[in-house]
C-alpha atoms as a PDB file:
ATOM      1  CA  MET A   1     -58.428  97.399  17.161  1.00  0.00           C
ATOM      2  CA  ILE A   2     -58.363 100.307  14.730  1.00  0.00           C
ATOM      3  CA  ARG A   3     -58.825  99.108  11.138  1.00  0.00           C
ATOM      4  CA  VAL A   4     -56.880 101.048   8.501  1.00  0.00           C
ATOM      5  CA  GLU A   5     -57.511 100.228   4.842  1.00  0.00           C
ATOM      6  CA  ALA A   6     -55.580 103.098   3.248  1.00  0.00           C
ATOM      7  CA  LEU A   7     -52.694 105.353   4.269  1.00  0.00           C
ATOM      8  CA  TRP A   8     -52.414 108.880   2.876  1.00  0.00           C
ATOM      9  CA  LEU A   9     -49.406 111.175   3.268  1.00  0.00           C
ATOM     10  CA  SER A  10     -49.533 114.961   3.003  1.00  0.00           C
ATOM     11  CA  ALA A  11     -46.248 116.374   1.684  1.00  0.00           C
ATOM     12  CA  ALA A  12     -46.976 119.876   3.031  1.00  0.00           C
ATOM     13  CA  PRO A  13     -45.558 120.514   6.528  1.00  0.00           C
ATOM     14  CA  LEU A  14     -47.957 120.882   9.458  1.00  0.00           C
ATOM     15  CA  ASP A  15     -47.806 123.077  12.552  1.00  0.00           C
ATOM     16  CA  MET A  16     -47.658 120.432  15.290  1.00  0.00           C
ATOM     17  CA  ARG A  17     -49.700 122.618  17.644  1.00  0.00           C
ATOM     18  CA  ALA A  18     -52.736 121.699  15.520  1.00  0.00           C
ATOM     19  CA  GLY A  19     -55.351 119.761  17.450  1.00  0.00           C
ATOM     20  CA  MET A  20     -57.872 117.224  16.268  1.00  0.00           C
ATOM     21  CA  ASP A  21     -60.383 119.688  14.772  1.00  0.00           C
ATOM     22  CA  THR A  22     -57.713 121.693  12.937  1.00  0.00           C
ATOM     23  CA  LEU A  23     -56.122 118.517  11.632  1.00  0.00           C
ATOM     24  CA  LEU A  24     -59.484 117.179  10.454  1.00  0.00           C
ATOM     25  CA  ALA A  25     -60.027 120.448   8.552  1.00  0.00           C
ATOM     26  CA  GLN A  26     -56.551 120.017   7.011  1.00  0.00           C
ATOM     27  CA  VAL A  27     -57.459 116.459   5.930  1.00  0.00           C
ATOM     28  CA  VAL A  28     -60.562 117.769   4.156  1.00  0.00           C
ATOM     29  CA  ARG A  29     -58.542 120.599   2.562  1.00  0.00           C
ATOM     30  CA  VAL A  30     -55.693 118.356   1.330  1.00  0.00           C
ATOM     31  CA  PHE A  31     -57.502 115.070   0.582  1.00  0.00           C
ATOM     32  CA  GLY A  32     -61.030 116.312  -0.167  1.00  0.00           C
ATOM     33  CA  GLU A  33     -62.710 114.286   2.592  1.00  0.00           C
ATOM     34  CA  ALA A  34     -61.999 112.089   5.608  1.00  0.00           C
ATOM     35  CA  ARG A  35     -62.996 108.542   4.681  1.00  0.00           C
ATOM     36  CA  PRO A  36     -63.759 105.799   7.210  1.00  0.00           C
ATOM     37  CA  HIS A  37     -60.868 103.412   7.891  1.00  0.00           C
ATOM     38  CA  HIS A  38     -58.324 105.712   6.256  1.00  0.00           C
ATOM     39  CA  ALA A  39     -55.255 107.176   8.007  1.00  0.00           C
ATOM     40  CA  TYR A  40     -53.831 110.594   7.135  1.00  0.00           C
ATOM     41  CA  LEU A  41     -50.169 111.389   7.903  1.00  0.00           C
ATOM     42  CA  PHE A  42     -48.619 114.817   8.494  1.00  0.00           C
ATOM     43  CA  ALA A  43     -45.131 115.919   9.590  1.00  0.00           C
ATOM     44  CA  ASN A  44     -43.597 119.139  10.844  1.00  0.00           C
ATOM     45  CA  ARG A  45     -41.204 121.197   8.727  1.00  0.00           C
ATOM     46  CA  ARG A  46     -38.077 119.685  10.349  1.00  0.00           C
ATOM     47  CA  GLY A  47     -39.370 116.133   9.894  1.00  0.00           C
ATOM     48  CA  THR A  48     -38.893 115.151  13.531  1.00  0.00           C
ATOM     49  CA  ARG A  49     -42.570 114.812  14.443  1.00  0.00           C
ATOM     50  CA  MET A  50     -45.511 113.091  12.794  1.00  0.00           C
ATOM     51  CA  LYS A  51     -49.249 113.156  13.452  1.00  0.00           C
ATOM     52  CA  VAL A  52     -51.633 110.502  12.160  1.00  0.00           C
ATOM     53  CA  LEU A  53     -55.377 111.086  12.049  1.00  0.00           C
ATOM     54  CA  VAL A  54     -57.580 107.998  11.598  1.00  0.00           C
ATOM     55  CA  HIS A  55     -61.317 108.016  10.930  1.00  0.00           C
ATOM     56  CA  ASP A  56     -62.640 104.696  12.277  1.00  0.00           C
ATOM     57  CA  GLY A  57     -66.190 105.070  10.957  1.00  0.00           C
ATOM     58  CA  GLN A  58     -67.570 106.357  14.260  1.00  0.00           C
ATOM     59  CA  GLY A  59     -65.005 108.860  15.459  1.00  0.00           C
ATOM     60  CA  ILE A  60     -61.544 110.255  15.005  1.00  0.00           C
ATOM     61  CA  TRP A  61     -58.256 108.999  16.486  1.00  0.00           C
ATOM     62  CA  LEU A  62     -55.135 111.155  16.662  1.00  0.00           C
ATOM     63  CA  ALA A  63     -51.672 109.701  17.236  1.00  0.00           C
ATOM     64  CA  CYS A  64     -48.317 111.461  17.476  1.00  0.00           C
ATOM     65  CA  ARG A  65     -44.772 110.189  17.021  1.00  0.00           C
ATOM     66  CA  ARG A  66     -41.508 112.006  17.689  1.00  0.00           C
ATOM     67  CA  LEU A  67     -38.033 110.877  16.702  1.00  0.00           C
ATOM     68  CA  HIS A  68     -35.344 111.694  19.254  1.00  0.00           C
ATOM     69  CA  GLN A  69     -32.639 111.185  16.642  1.00  0.00           C
ATOM     70  CA  GLY A  70     -32.804 111.616  12.881  1.00  0.00           C
ATOM     71  CA  ARG A  71     -35.747 112.684  10.778  1.00  0.00           C
ATOM     72  CA  PHE A  72     -38.703 111.143   9.006  1.00  0.00           C
ATOM     73  CA  ARG A  73     -37.966 110.866   5.290  1.00  0.00           C
ATOM     74  CA  TRP A  74     -40.932 112.822   4.015  1.00  0.00           C
ATOM     75  CA  ALA A  75     -42.209 113.459   0.497  1.00  0.00           C
ATOM     76  CA  GLU A  76     -41.284 116.726  -1.217  1.00  0.00           C
ATOM     77  CA  GLY A  77     -43.760 119.350  -2.402  1.00  0.00           C
ATOM     78  CA  THR A  78     -47.284 120.213  -1.334  1.00  0.00           C
ATOM     79  CA  GLY A  79     -49.345 117.343  -2.734  1.00  0.00           C
ATOM     80  CA  ALA A  80     -50.590 114.092  -1.270  1.00  0.00           C
ATOM     81  CA  LEU A  81     -49.866 110.458  -2.012  1.00  0.00           C
ATOM     82  CA  THR A  82     -50.889 107.002  -0.870  1.00  0.00           C
ATOM     83  CA  LEU A  83     -48.585 104.602   0.976  1.00  0.00           C
ATOM     84  CA  SER A  84     -48.470 100.826   1.211  1.00  0.00           C
ATOM     85  CA  ARG A  85     -48.301  99.211   4.643  1.00  0.00           C
ATOM     86  CA  ALA A  86     -44.621  98.334   4.078  1.00  0.00           C
ATOM     87  CA  GLN A  87     -43.842 101.954   3.149  1.00  0.00           C
ATOM     88  CA  PHE A  88     -45.664 103.167   6.274  1.00  0.00           C
ATOM     89  CA  ASP A  89     -43.735 100.728   8.478  1.00  0.00           C
ATOM     90  CA  ALA A  90     -40.433 101.994   7.020  1.00  0.00           C
ATOM     91  CA  LEU A  91     -41.516 105.639   7.339  1.00  0.00           C
ATOM     92  CA  VAL A  92     -42.325 105.469  11.068  1.00  0.00           C
ATOM     93  CA  LEU A  93     -38.886 103.957  11.699  1.00  0.00           C
ATOM     94  CA  GLY A  94     -37.180 106.788   9.794  1.00  0.00           C
ATOM     95  CA  LEU A  95     -36.098 104.535   6.919  1.00  0.00           C
ATOM     96  CA  PRO A  96     -36.060 105.602   3.237  1.00  0.00           C
ATOM     97  CA  TRP A  97     -39.539 104.286   2.362  1.00  0.00           C
ATOM     98  CA  GLN A  98     -39.428 105.838  -1.135  1.00  0.00           C
ATOM     99  CA  GLN A  99     -36.756 103.288  -2.073  1.00  0.00           C
ATOM    100  CA  LEU A 100     -38.748 100.282  -0.877  1.00  0.00           C
ATOM    101  CA  ALA A 101     -39.054  97.684  -3.638  1.00  0.00           C
ATOM    102  CA  GLY A 102     -42.001  95.344  -4.167  1.00  0.00           C
ATOM    103  CA  ASP A 103     -40.149  92.568  -2.308  1.00  0.00           C
ATOM    104  CA  GLY A 104     -39.864  94.693   0.842  1.00  0.00           C
ATOM    105  CA  VAL A 105     -36.120  95.350   0.442  1.00  0.00           C
ATOM    106  CA  ILE A 106     -34.817  98.907   0.637  1.00  0.00           C
ATOM    107  CA  ARG A 107     -32.355  99.575  -2.151  1.00  0.00           C
ATOM    108  CA  MET A 108     -30.172 102.635  -2.645  1.00  0.00           C
ATOM    109  CA  ILE A 109     -30.833 104.114  -6.065  1.00  0.00           C
END
């Protein structure tokens, strides 16, 4: 089981051809360092693909997800932000995670 204690999202789009080493360099560039048990999320410019890099304390895991319909609702800009587990769960399903309230209900604002 891969333990993840924190989820970090990069708002800047990523070239999905990037492999593990390039993505690890991007994590260090955007987040300052790759911490153990943290997951780092990146999406392509169109928002149809996502890559997640996880440092498990001993090595690096890389996972990819592609939506066949719709787009991931990604953050705007070039910065980085942290996500809760509920926000992450909504994000990978393509739901509007930014509108997720503390009670887990998505509300249109």
